[in-house]
Amino acid sequence: MPEDWDDLFAVASDPLIWEQHPESDRYKEDVFKIFFREALESGGAFVIIEESTNHWIHPVLWLRPGKI
């Protein structure tokens, strides 16, 4: 959801999360905004939340149809 941007980007702005990812600059806000928009448009966005603390621990991910 668009209202989740602040919480999500707070987690996703850590360069170490993306260090071994093919898009290793995704921690940058302008790059992550594209990812976030595409995730919302895909209808398959989700986030992992630590149940005991209710803190976000992983940025949004999604599976594109036909790509795993």
Protein backbone atom coordinates (compact mmCIF):
# COMPACT_ATOMS: atom_id res chain seq x y z
CA MET A 1 0.00 0.00 0.00
CA PRO A 2 1.29 3.49 -0.73
CA GLU A 3 0.88 4.43 2.93
CA ASP A 4 3.50 1.77 3.78
CA TRP A 5 6.26 3.58 1.90
CA ASP A 6 8.04 5.05 4.96
CA ASP A 7 8.23 1.77 6.87
CA LEU A 8 9.22 -0.18 3.82
CA PHE A 9 11.90 2.17 2.61
CA ALA A 10 13.35 2.38 6.14
CA VAL A 11 14.17 -1.32 5.78
CA ALA A 12 14.98 -1.35 2.06
CA SER A 13 17.43 1.57 2.28
CA ASP A 14 20.04 -0.70 3.86
CA PRO A 15 22.61 -1.42 1.10
CA LEU A 16 23.51 -4.76 2.69
CA ILE A 17 20.07 -6.17 1.86
CA TRP A 18 20.75 -5.66 -1.84
CA GLU A 19 24.49 -6.35 -1.84
CA GLN A 20 24.26 -9.65 -3.74
CA HIS A 21 21.06 -8.86 -5.64
CA PRO A 22 21.32 -8.28 -9.41
CA GLU A 23 19.95 -4.77 -8.82
CA SER A 24 22.36 -3.92 -6.02
CA ASP A 25 21.51 -0.21 -6.12
CA ARG A 26 17.89 -0.83 -5.11
CA TYR A 27 18.62 0.69 -1.69
CA LYS A 28 18.64 4.10 -3.42
CA GLU A 29 15.31 5.88 -3.11
CA ASP A 30 14.85 6.69 -6.81
CA VAL A 31 15.60 3.07 -7.78
CA PHE A 32 13.46 1.61 -5.01
CA LYS A 33 10.49 3.79 -5.97
CA ILE A 34 10.35 1.99 -9.32
CA PHE A 35 10.45 -1.40 -7.57
CA PHE A 36 7.75 -0.30 -5.10
CA ARG A 37 5.46 0.98 -7.86
CA GLU A 38 5.88 -2.21 -9.89
CA ALA A 39 5.26 -4.33 -6.80
CA LEU A 40 1.97 -2.53 -6.13
CA GLU A 41 0.94 -2.80 -9.76
CA SER A 42 1.71 -6.54 -9.79
CA GLY A 43 -0.90 -7.28 -7.13
CA GLY A 44 1.53 -9.72 -5.54
CA ALA A 45 3.45 -7.52 -3.13
CA PHE A 46 4.09 -8.66 0.41
CA VAL A 47 6.32 -7.93 3.36
CA ILE A 48 7.71 -10.05 6.19
CA ILE A 49 6.91 -8.76 9.67
CA GLU A 50 8.49 -9.99 12.90
CA GLU A 51 5.45 -11.18 14.83
CA SER A 52 6.83 -10.59 18.34
CA THR A 53 7.81 -6.96 17.66
CA ASN A 54 5.56 -6.08 14.72
CA HIS A 55 8.65 -4.64 12.96
CA TRP A 56 9.17 -4.94 9.22
CA ILE A 57 12.16 -7.17 8.58
CA HIS A 58 12.16 -7.65 4.81
CA PRO A 59 11.24 -5.41 1.90
CA VAL A 60 8.40 -6.06 -0.49
CA LEU A 61 8.85 -8.97 -2.86
CA TRP A 62 6.61 -10.36 -5.56
CA LEU A 63 6.59 -13.07 -8.15
CA ARG A 64 5.82 -12.06 -11.69
CA PRO A 65 3.66 -14.55 -13.51
CA GLY A 66 5.89 -17.07 -15.25
CA LYS A 67 9.03 -16.00 -13.37
CA ILE A 68 10.28 -17.72 -10.26
